[in-house]
N, C-alpha and C. Protein backbone atom coordinates (compact mmCIF):
# COMPACT_ATOMS: atom_id res chain seq x y z
N MET A 1 -47.33 -65.48 10.66
CA MET A 1 -47.20 -64.14 11.18
C MET A 1 -48.14 -63.22 10.41
N ARG A 2 -48.91 -62.46 11.13
CA ARG A 2 -49.86 -61.51 10.53
C ARG A 2 -49.62 -60.14 11.15
N LEU A 3 -49.17 -59.20 10.32
CA LEU A 3 -48.76 -57.89 10.80
C LEU A 3 -49.44 -56.76 10.04
N ILE A 4 -49.49 -55.60 10.70
CA ILE A 4 -49.87 -54.36 10.04
C ILE A 4 -48.73 -53.38 10.27
N LEU A 5 -48.27 -52.74 9.17
CA LEU A 5 -47.29 -51.66 9.26
C LEU A 5 -47.99 -50.35 8.95
N LEU A 6 -47.89 -49.40 9.87
CA LEU A 6 -48.52 -48.10 9.72
C LEU A 6 -47.46 -47.01 9.65
N GLY A 7 -47.80 -45.92 8.96
CA GLY A 7 -46.92 -44.77 8.88
C GLY A 7 -47.22 -43.98 7.63
N PRO A 8 -46.74 -42.74 7.56
CA PRO A 8 -47.01 -41.90 6.40
C PRO A 8 -46.23 -42.36 5.16
N PRO A 9 -46.61 -41.86 3.97
CA PRO A 9 -45.84 -42.19 2.77
C PRO A 9 -44.38 -41.78 2.96
N GLY A 10 -43.47 -42.65 2.58
CA GLY A 10 -42.05 -42.37 2.70
C GLY A 10 -41.44 -42.81 4.02
N ALA A 11 -42.23 -43.38 4.93
CA ALA A 11 -41.71 -43.78 6.24
C ALA A 11 -40.89 -45.07 6.18
N GLY A 12 -41.04 -45.83 5.10
CA GLY A 12 -40.28 -47.07 4.97
C GLY A 12 -41.09 -48.33 5.17
N LYS A 13 -42.41 -48.21 5.11
CA LYS A 13 -43.27 -49.40 5.30
C LYS A 13 -42.96 -50.47 4.26
N GLY A 14 -42.86 -50.05 3.01
CA GLY A 14 -42.58 -51.00 1.94
C GLY A 14 -41.22 -51.65 2.09
N THR A 15 -40.24 -50.87 2.47
CA THR A 15 -38.87 -51.40 2.67
C THR A 15 -38.85 -52.42 3.79
N GLN A 16 -39.45 -52.08 4.92
CA GLN A 16 -39.48 -53.02 6.04
C GLN A 16 -40.30 -54.26 5.71
N ALA A 17 -41.40 -54.06 4.99
CA ALA A 17 -42.24 -55.21 4.60
C ALA A 17 -41.44 -56.17 3.73
N GLN A 18 -40.66 -55.65 2.79
CA GLN A 18 -39.85 -56.50 1.91
C GLN A 18 -38.84 -57.31 2.72
N ARG A 19 -38.26 -56.71 3.72
CA ARG A 19 -37.31 -57.44 4.58
C ARG A 19 -38.00 -58.57 5.34
N LEU A 20 -39.20 -58.30 5.85
CA LEU A 20 -39.95 -59.33 6.57
C LEU A 20 -40.41 -60.44 5.64
N VAL A 21 -40.80 -60.08 4.43
CA VAL A 21 -41.19 -61.08 3.43
C VAL A 21 -40.02 -62.01 3.15
N ALA A 22 -38.84 -61.44 2.93
CA ALA A 22 -37.66 -62.24 2.63
C ALA A 22 -37.29 -63.14 3.80
N LYS A 23 -37.39 -62.64 5.00
CA LYS A 23 -36.98 -63.42 6.18
C LYS A 23 -37.99 -64.49 6.57
N HIS A 24 -39.30 -64.18 6.43
CA HIS A 24 -40.32 -65.09 6.95
C HIS A 24 -41.18 -65.77 5.90
N GLY A 25 -41.00 -65.40 4.63
CA GLY A 25 -41.76 -66.04 3.57
C GLY A 25 -43.24 -65.76 3.60
N ILE A 26 -43.62 -64.58 4.09
CA ILE A 26 -45.03 -64.19 4.14
C ILE A 26 -45.31 -63.22 2.98
N ILE A 27 -46.56 -62.88 2.79
CA ILE A 27 -46.97 -62.05 1.66
C ILE A 27 -47.19 -60.61 2.10
N GLN A 28 -46.68 -59.68 1.30
CA GLN A 28 -46.91 -58.25 1.54
C GLN A 28 -48.17 -57.83 0.82
N LEU A 29 -49.10 -57.26 1.55
CA LEU A 29 -50.32 -56.72 0.97
C LEU A 29 -50.28 -55.21 1.07
N SER A 30 -49.90 -54.57 0.01
CA SER A 30 -49.87 -53.11 -0.03
C SER A 30 -51.14 -52.64 -0.73
N THR A 31 -52.04 -52.06 0.03
CA THR A 31 -53.28 -51.59 -0.58
C THR A 31 -52.98 -50.53 -1.64
N GLY A 32 -51.96 -49.73 -1.39
CA GLY A 32 -51.58 -48.73 -2.39
C GLY A 32 -51.17 -49.39 -3.69
N GLU A 33 -50.34 -50.43 -3.61
CA GLU A 33 -49.93 -51.14 -4.82
C GLU A 33 -51.11 -51.83 -5.49
N MET A 34 -52.00 -52.43 -4.68
CA MET A 34 -53.17 -53.09 -5.26
C MET A 34 -54.04 -52.06 -5.99
N LEU A 35 -54.21 -50.89 -5.40
CA LEU A 35 -55.03 -49.85 -6.02
C LEU A 35 -54.34 -49.26 -7.24
N ARG A 36 -53.01 -49.05 -7.17
CA ARG A 36 -52.28 -48.53 -8.33
C ARG A 36 -52.34 -49.53 -9.49
N ALA A 37 -52.27 -50.83 -9.17
CA ALA A 37 -52.37 -51.85 -10.22
C ALA A 37 -53.75 -51.79 -10.88
N ALA A 38 -54.79 -51.62 -10.08
CA ALA A 38 -56.15 -51.52 -10.63
C ALA A 38 -56.27 -50.25 -11.48
N ALA A 39 -55.65 -49.15 -11.05
CA ALA A 39 -55.69 -47.91 -11.82
C ALA A 39 -54.96 -48.08 -13.15
N ALA A 40 -53.78 -48.71 -13.10
CA ALA A 40 -53.00 -48.94 -14.32
C ALA A 40 -53.74 -49.86 -15.29
N ALA A 41 -54.49 -50.81 -14.74
CA ALA A 41 -55.24 -51.75 -15.58
C ALA A 41 -56.48 -51.09 -16.18
N GLY A 42 -56.85 -49.92 -15.66
CA GLY A 42 -58.00 -49.20 -16.18
C GLY A 42 -59.34 -49.79 -15.81
N THR A 43 -59.36 -50.56 -14.73
CA THR A 43 -60.64 -51.11 -14.28
C THR A 43 -61.52 -49.98 -13.75
N PRO A 44 -62.84 -50.17 -13.72
CA PRO A 44 -63.69 -49.10 -13.19
C PRO A 44 -63.29 -48.67 -11.78
N VAL A 45 -63.03 -49.63 -10.92
CA VAL A 45 -62.60 -49.31 -9.55
C VAL A 45 -61.25 -48.61 -9.60
N GLY A 46 -60.37 -49.09 -10.46
CA GLY A 46 -59.04 -48.50 -10.59
C GLY A 46 -59.09 -47.06 -11.05
N LEU A 47 -59.97 -46.76 -12.01
CA LEU A 47 -60.09 -45.39 -12.49
C LEU A 47 -60.65 -44.48 -11.40
N GLN A 48 -61.60 -44.98 -10.63
CA GLN A 48 -62.13 -44.21 -9.49
C GLN A 48 -61.01 -43.94 -8.50
N ALA A 49 -60.26 -44.99 -8.18
CA ALA A 49 -59.17 -44.88 -7.21
C ALA A 49 -58.11 -43.90 -7.70
N LYS A 50 -57.79 -43.96 -8.99
CA LYS A 50 -56.75 -43.08 -9.55
C LYS A 50 -57.11 -41.61 -9.36
N GLU A 51 -58.36 -41.27 -9.65
CA GLU A 51 -58.81 -39.89 -9.51
C GLU A 51 -58.74 -39.44 -8.05
N ILE A 52 -59.17 -40.30 -7.15
CA ILE A 52 -59.16 -39.97 -5.72
C ILE A 52 -57.73 -39.82 -5.21
N MET A 53 -56.86 -40.79 -5.57
CA MET A 53 -55.47 -40.77 -5.09
C MET A 53 -54.71 -39.57 -5.65
N ALA A 54 -55.00 -39.18 -6.90
CA ALA A 54 -54.32 -38.04 -7.50
C ALA A 54 -54.58 -36.75 -6.71
N GLY A 55 -55.75 -36.69 -6.09
CA GLY A 55 -56.07 -35.52 -5.27
C GLY A 55 -55.63 -35.66 -3.83
N GLY A 56 -54.93 -36.75 -3.52
CA GLY A 56 -54.45 -36.96 -2.16
C GLY A 56 -55.51 -37.53 -1.24
N GLY A 57 -56.66 -37.93 -1.81
CA GLY A 57 -57.74 -38.48 -1.00
C GLY A 57 -57.58 -39.98 -0.77
N LEU A 58 -58.49 -40.50 0.03
CA LEU A 58 -58.49 -41.93 0.33
C LEU A 58 -59.62 -42.61 -0.43
N VAL A 59 -59.31 -43.76 -1.02
CA VAL A 59 -60.31 -44.56 -1.72
C VAL A 59 -61.31 -45.07 -0.69
N SER A 60 -62.57 -45.25 -1.11
CA SER A 60 -63.60 -45.65 -0.15
C SER A 60 -63.21 -46.92 0.58
N ASP A 61 -63.61 -46.95 1.83
CA ASP A 61 -63.30 -48.10 2.67
C ASP A 61 -63.88 -49.39 2.11
N GLU A 62 -65.07 -49.32 1.54
CA GLU A 62 -65.70 -50.54 1.01
C GLU A 62 -64.87 -51.14 -0.11
N ILE A 63 -64.33 -50.30 -0.99
CA ILE A 63 -63.51 -50.79 -2.10
C ILE A 63 -62.26 -51.47 -1.56
N VAL A 64 -61.57 -50.81 -0.66
CA VAL A 64 -60.32 -51.34 -0.14
C VAL A 64 -60.56 -52.62 0.67
N ILE A 65 -61.56 -52.62 1.52
CA ILE A 65 -61.88 -53.81 2.32
C ILE A 65 -62.24 -54.98 1.40
N GLY A 66 -62.97 -54.69 0.34
CA GLY A 66 -63.31 -55.74 -0.62
C GLY A 66 -62.09 -56.35 -1.27
N ILE A 67 -61.14 -55.50 -1.66
CA ILE A 67 -59.89 -55.98 -2.26
C ILE A 67 -59.13 -56.84 -1.26
N ILE A 68 -59.05 -56.38 -0.01
CA ILE A 68 -58.33 -57.14 1.02
C ILE A 68 -59.04 -58.46 1.31
N SER A 69 -60.34 -58.43 1.42
CA SER A 69 -61.10 -59.64 1.71
C SER A 69 -60.84 -60.72 0.67
N ASP A 70 -60.92 -60.32 -0.60
CA ASP A 70 -60.67 -61.28 -1.68
C ASP A 70 -59.26 -61.84 -1.60
N ARG A 71 -58.31 -60.98 -1.30
CA ARG A 71 -56.90 -61.42 -1.25
C ARG A 71 -56.66 -62.37 -0.08
N LEU A 72 -57.28 -62.12 1.07
CA LEU A 72 -57.08 -62.99 2.23
C LEU A 72 -57.63 -64.39 2.01
N ASP A 73 -58.52 -64.55 1.04
CA ASP A 73 -59.08 -65.87 0.73
C ASP A 73 -58.16 -66.72 -0.13
N GLN A 74 -57.07 -66.14 -0.63
CA GLN A 74 -56.16 -66.88 -1.50
C GLN A 74 -55.29 -67.85 -0.69
N PRO A 75 -54.95 -69.00 -1.27
CA PRO A 75 -54.20 -70.04 -0.54
C PRO A 75 -52.84 -69.58 -0.01
N ASP A 76 -52.18 -68.63 -0.70
CA ASP A 76 -50.85 -68.21 -0.25
C ASP A 76 -50.87 -67.36 1.02
N MET A 77 -52.05 -67.07 1.54
CA MET A 77 -52.17 -66.28 2.77
C MET A 77 -52.01 -67.14 4.02
N LYS A 78 -51.97 -68.45 3.87
CA LYS A 78 -51.92 -69.36 5.04
C LYS A 78 -50.71 -69.10 5.93
N ARG A 79 -49.55 -68.80 5.32
CA ARG A 79 -48.33 -68.58 6.12
C ARG A 79 -48.34 -67.25 6.85
N GLY A 80 -49.14 -66.32 6.34
CA GLY A 80 -49.20 -65.01 6.98
C GLY A 80 -49.10 -63.89 5.98
N PHE A 81 -49.20 -62.67 6.49
CA PHE A 81 -49.20 -61.50 5.61
C PHE A 81 -48.78 -60.27 6.39
N ILE A 82 -48.43 -59.26 5.63
CA ILE A 82 -48.15 -57.93 6.16
C ILE A 82 -49.06 -56.97 5.42
N LEU A 83 -49.91 -56.27 6.14
CA LEU A 83 -50.70 -55.20 5.55
C LEU A 83 -49.85 -53.94 5.63
N ASP A 84 -49.55 -53.37 4.50
CA ASP A 84 -48.62 -52.26 4.37
C ASP A 84 -49.42 -50.97 4.17
N GLY A 85 -49.57 -50.18 5.24
CA GLY A 85 -50.21 -48.87 5.12
C GLY A 85 -51.73 -48.88 5.22
N PHE A 86 -52.28 -49.93 5.70
CA PHE A 86 -53.74 -50.01 5.90
C PHE A 86 -53.99 -50.73 7.20
N PRO A 87 -54.85 -50.19 8.04
CA PRO A 87 -55.79 -49.08 7.84
C PRO A 87 -55.13 -47.72 8.09
N ARG A 88 -55.77 -46.68 7.52
CA ARG A 88 -55.30 -45.31 7.71
C ARG A 88 -56.25 -44.47 8.54
N THR A 89 -57.45 -44.95 8.73
CA THR A 89 -58.45 -44.18 9.50
C THR A 89 -59.11 -45.11 10.52
N VAL A 90 -59.78 -44.50 11.49
CA VAL A 90 -60.49 -45.30 12.50
C VAL A 90 -61.60 -46.14 11.85
N PRO A 91 -62.41 -45.59 10.93
CA PRO A 91 -63.42 -46.43 10.29
C PRO A 91 -62.81 -47.61 9.51
N GLN A 92 -61.66 -47.38 8.86
CA GLN A 92 -60.99 -48.48 8.17
C GLN A 92 -60.53 -49.54 9.16
N ALA A 93 -60.01 -49.09 10.28
CA ALA A 93 -59.56 -50.05 11.30
C ALA A 93 -60.74 -50.87 11.81
N ALA A 94 -61.87 -50.22 12.02
CA ALA A 94 -63.06 -50.94 12.49
C ALA A 94 -63.53 -51.94 11.43
N ALA A 95 -63.54 -51.51 10.16
CA ALA A 95 -63.96 -52.41 9.08
C ALA A 95 -63.00 -53.59 8.94
N LEU A 96 -61.70 -53.32 9.06
CA LEU A 96 -60.72 -54.40 8.99
C LEU A 96 -60.89 -55.36 10.16
N ASP A 97 -61.11 -54.81 11.34
CA ASP A 97 -61.33 -55.63 12.53
C ASP A 97 -62.51 -56.58 12.31
N GLU A 98 -63.61 -56.05 11.79
CA GLU A 98 -64.79 -56.88 11.51
C GLU A 98 -64.48 -57.96 10.48
N LEU A 99 -63.75 -57.57 9.43
CA LEU A 99 -63.38 -58.53 8.38
C LEU A 99 -62.55 -59.66 8.96
N LEU A 100 -61.55 -59.31 9.75
CA LEU A 100 -60.67 -60.33 10.34
C LEU A 100 -61.45 -61.24 11.29
N LYS A 101 -62.37 -60.67 12.05
CA LYS A 101 -63.20 -61.49 12.94
C LYS A 101 -64.04 -62.48 12.14
N ARG A 102 -64.68 -62.00 11.05
CA ARG A 102 -65.49 -62.89 10.22
C ARG A 102 -64.68 -64.04 9.63
N LYS A 103 -63.41 -63.75 9.33
CA LYS A 103 -62.54 -64.75 8.72
C LYS A 103 -61.75 -65.54 9.78
N HIS A 104 -61.97 -65.23 11.05
CA HIS A 104 -61.27 -65.90 12.16
C HIS A 104 -59.76 -65.77 12.03
N ILE A 105 -59.31 -64.55 11.72
CA ILE A 105 -57.89 -64.25 11.57
C ILE A 105 -57.49 -63.30 12.70
N LYS A 106 -56.41 -63.65 13.40
CA LYS A 106 -55.89 -62.79 14.47
C LYS A 106 -54.55 -62.21 14.05
N LEU A 107 -54.35 -60.94 14.39
CA LEU A 107 -53.08 -60.27 14.11
C LEU A 107 -52.06 -60.61 15.19
N ASP A 108 -50.80 -60.68 14.78
CA ASP A 108 -49.71 -60.88 15.75
C ASP A 108 -49.17 -59.54 16.25
N ALA A 109 -49.19 -58.51 15.39
CA ALA A 109 -48.66 -57.21 15.82
C ALA A 109 -49.10 -56.11 14.85
N VAL A 110 -49.13 -54.89 15.38
CA VAL A 110 -49.31 -53.68 14.59
C VAL A 110 -48.12 -52.79 14.92
N VAL A 111 -47.38 -52.37 13.88
CA VAL A 111 -46.17 -51.58 14.07
C VAL A 111 -46.34 -50.23 13.39
N GLU A 112 -46.11 -49.15 14.15
CA GLU A 112 -46.18 -47.81 13.59
C GLU A 112 -44.77 -47.29 13.37
N LEU A 113 -44.48 -46.88 12.14
CA LEU A 113 -43.18 -46.28 11.82
C LEU A 113 -43.33 -44.76 11.89
N ARG A 114 -42.50 -44.14 12.71
CA ARG A 114 -42.54 -42.69 12.87
C ARG A 114 -41.26 -42.10 12.33
N VAL A 115 -41.41 -41.06 11.50
CA VAL A 115 -40.27 -40.37 10.91
C VAL A 115 -40.60 -38.88 10.92
N ASN A 116 -39.60 -38.04 11.23
CA ASN A 116 -39.93 -36.61 11.27
C ASN A 116 -40.23 -36.09 9.87
N GLU A 117 -41.03 -35.03 9.81
CA GLU A 117 -41.58 -34.55 8.54
C GLU A 117 -40.51 -34.15 7.54
N SER A 118 -39.45 -33.49 7.97
CA SER A 118 -38.41 -33.08 7.02
C SER A 118 -37.72 -34.30 6.40
N ALA A 119 -37.52 -35.34 7.19
CA ALA A 119 -36.92 -36.57 6.65
C ALA A 119 -37.88 -37.23 5.66
N LEU A 120 -39.18 -37.21 5.95
CA LEU A 120 -40.16 -37.77 5.03
C LEU A 120 -40.13 -37.05 3.69
N LEU A 121 -40.14 -35.71 3.73
CA LEU A 121 -40.10 -34.93 2.49
C LEU A 121 -38.84 -35.24 1.70
N GLN A 122 -37.71 -35.35 2.38
CA GLN A 122 -36.44 -35.68 1.72
C GLN A 122 -36.53 -37.05 1.05
N ARG A 123 -37.09 -38.04 1.75
CA ARG A 123 -37.22 -39.39 1.19
C ARG A 123 -38.11 -39.40 -0.05
N VAL A 124 -39.24 -38.69 0.03
CA VAL A 124 -40.15 -38.64 -1.11
C VAL A 124 -39.48 -37.95 -2.30
N GLU A 125 -38.80 -36.84 -2.05
CA GLU A 125 -38.10 -36.14 -3.13
C GLU A 125 -37.04 -37.03 -3.76
N THR A 126 -36.30 -37.77 -2.94
CA THR A 126 -35.28 -38.68 -3.46
C THR A 126 -35.92 -39.80 -4.27
N ARG A 127 -37.01 -40.37 -3.76
CA ARG A 127 -37.69 -41.45 -4.48
C ARG A 127 -38.19 -40.96 -5.83
N VAL A 128 -38.79 -39.77 -5.87
CA VAL A 128 -39.29 -39.21 -7.13
C VAL A 128 -38.14 -39.00 -8.11
N ALA A 129 -37.03 -38.43 -7.64
CA ALA A 129 -35.88 -38.19 -8.51
C ALA A 129 -35.32 -39.50 -9.07
N GLU A 130 -35.23 -40.52 -8.22
CA GLU A 130 -34.71 -41.82 -8.67
C GLU A 130 -35.65 -42.47 -9.68
N MET A 131 -36.95 -42.37 -9.45
CA MET A 131 -37.92 -42.95 -10.39
C MET A 131 -37.85 -42.24 -11.74
N ARG A 132 -37.75 -40.93 -11.71
CA ARG A 132 -37.64 -40.17 -12.97
C ARG A 132 -36.36 -40.51 -13.70
N ALA A 133 -35.26 -40.66 -12.97
CA ALA A 133 -33.97 -41.00 -13.58
C ALA A 133 -34.03 -42.37 -14.26
N ARG A 134 -34.82 -43.28 -13.70
CA ARG A 134 -34.96 -44.61 -14.30
C ARG A 134 -36.03 -44.63 -15.39
N GLY A 135 -36.70 -43.49 -15.60
CA GLY A 135 -37.75 -43.42 -16.61
C GLY A 135 -39.06 -44.05 -16.18
N GLU A 136 -39.23 -44.22 -14.86
CA GLU A 136 -40.46 -44.81 -14.34
C GLU A 136 -41.51 -43.75 -14.09
N GLU A 137 -42.77 -44.17 -14.10
CA GLU A 137 -43.86 -43.26 -13.77
C GLU A 137 -43.83 -42.98 -12.27
N VAL A 138 -43.92 -41.72 -11.92
CA VAL A 138 -43.89 -41.31 -10.52
C VAL A 138 -45.23 -41.61 -9.88
N ARG A 139 -45.18 -42.15 -8.67
CA ARG A 139 -46.42 -42.45 -7.94
C ARG A 139 -47.21 -41.17 -7.71
N ILE A 140 -48.52 -41.26 -7.90
CA ILE A 140 -49.35 -40.06 -7.78
C ILE A 140 -49.46 -39.56 -6.34
N ASP A 141 -49.09 -40.41 -5.38
CA ASP A 141 -49.14 -39.95 -3.99
C ASP A 141 -47.79 -39.45 -3.49
N ASP A 142 -46.80 -39.37 -4.37
CA ASP A 142 -45.48 -38.87 -3.98
C ASP A 142 -45.38 -37.37 -4.20
N THR A 143 -46.11 -36.63 -3.37
CA THR A 143 -46.08 -35.17 -3.40
C THR A 143 -46.01 -34.66 -1.97
N PRO A 144 -45.44 -33.48 -1.77
CA PRO A 144 -45.39 -32.92 -0.41
C PRO A 144 -46.77 -32.76 0.21
N GLU A 145 -47.76 -32.42 -0.61
CA GLU A 145 -49.11 -32.23 -0.08
C GLU A 145 -49.68 -33.49 0.52
N VAL A 146 -49.49 -34.62 -0.16
CA VAL A 146 -50.01 -35.90 0.35
C VAL A 146 -49.27 -36.26 1.62
């Protein structure tokens, strides 16, 4: 199974992806998590991404596509994957489409999660409060502006 989950931050993409992973034994590919991991590791790409994400911007398509391309080449991708929150723009979708064609990979579905804005803001505020209560670092994209 090869899926894409789309929707704004706080819509539940990660939650739904985790349920699908548990049920079907496929891999969740969260570009946000991959980029946050690179930022936390202090890699050059990660530091670039961190600065861009902190301002609510999008990391360059080439960087993200490169990360995805490398990951799709790993052996654990054979059973399938869920792309969580990518693509976010038409150029990203076109780049992903080209990448998948080159790799001879076909998607089974693209699912868009829609949530009204006030519910999204409430979810993000709750997530931030829970992370702070646990002493965790708050995600830099968990702001009303983003």
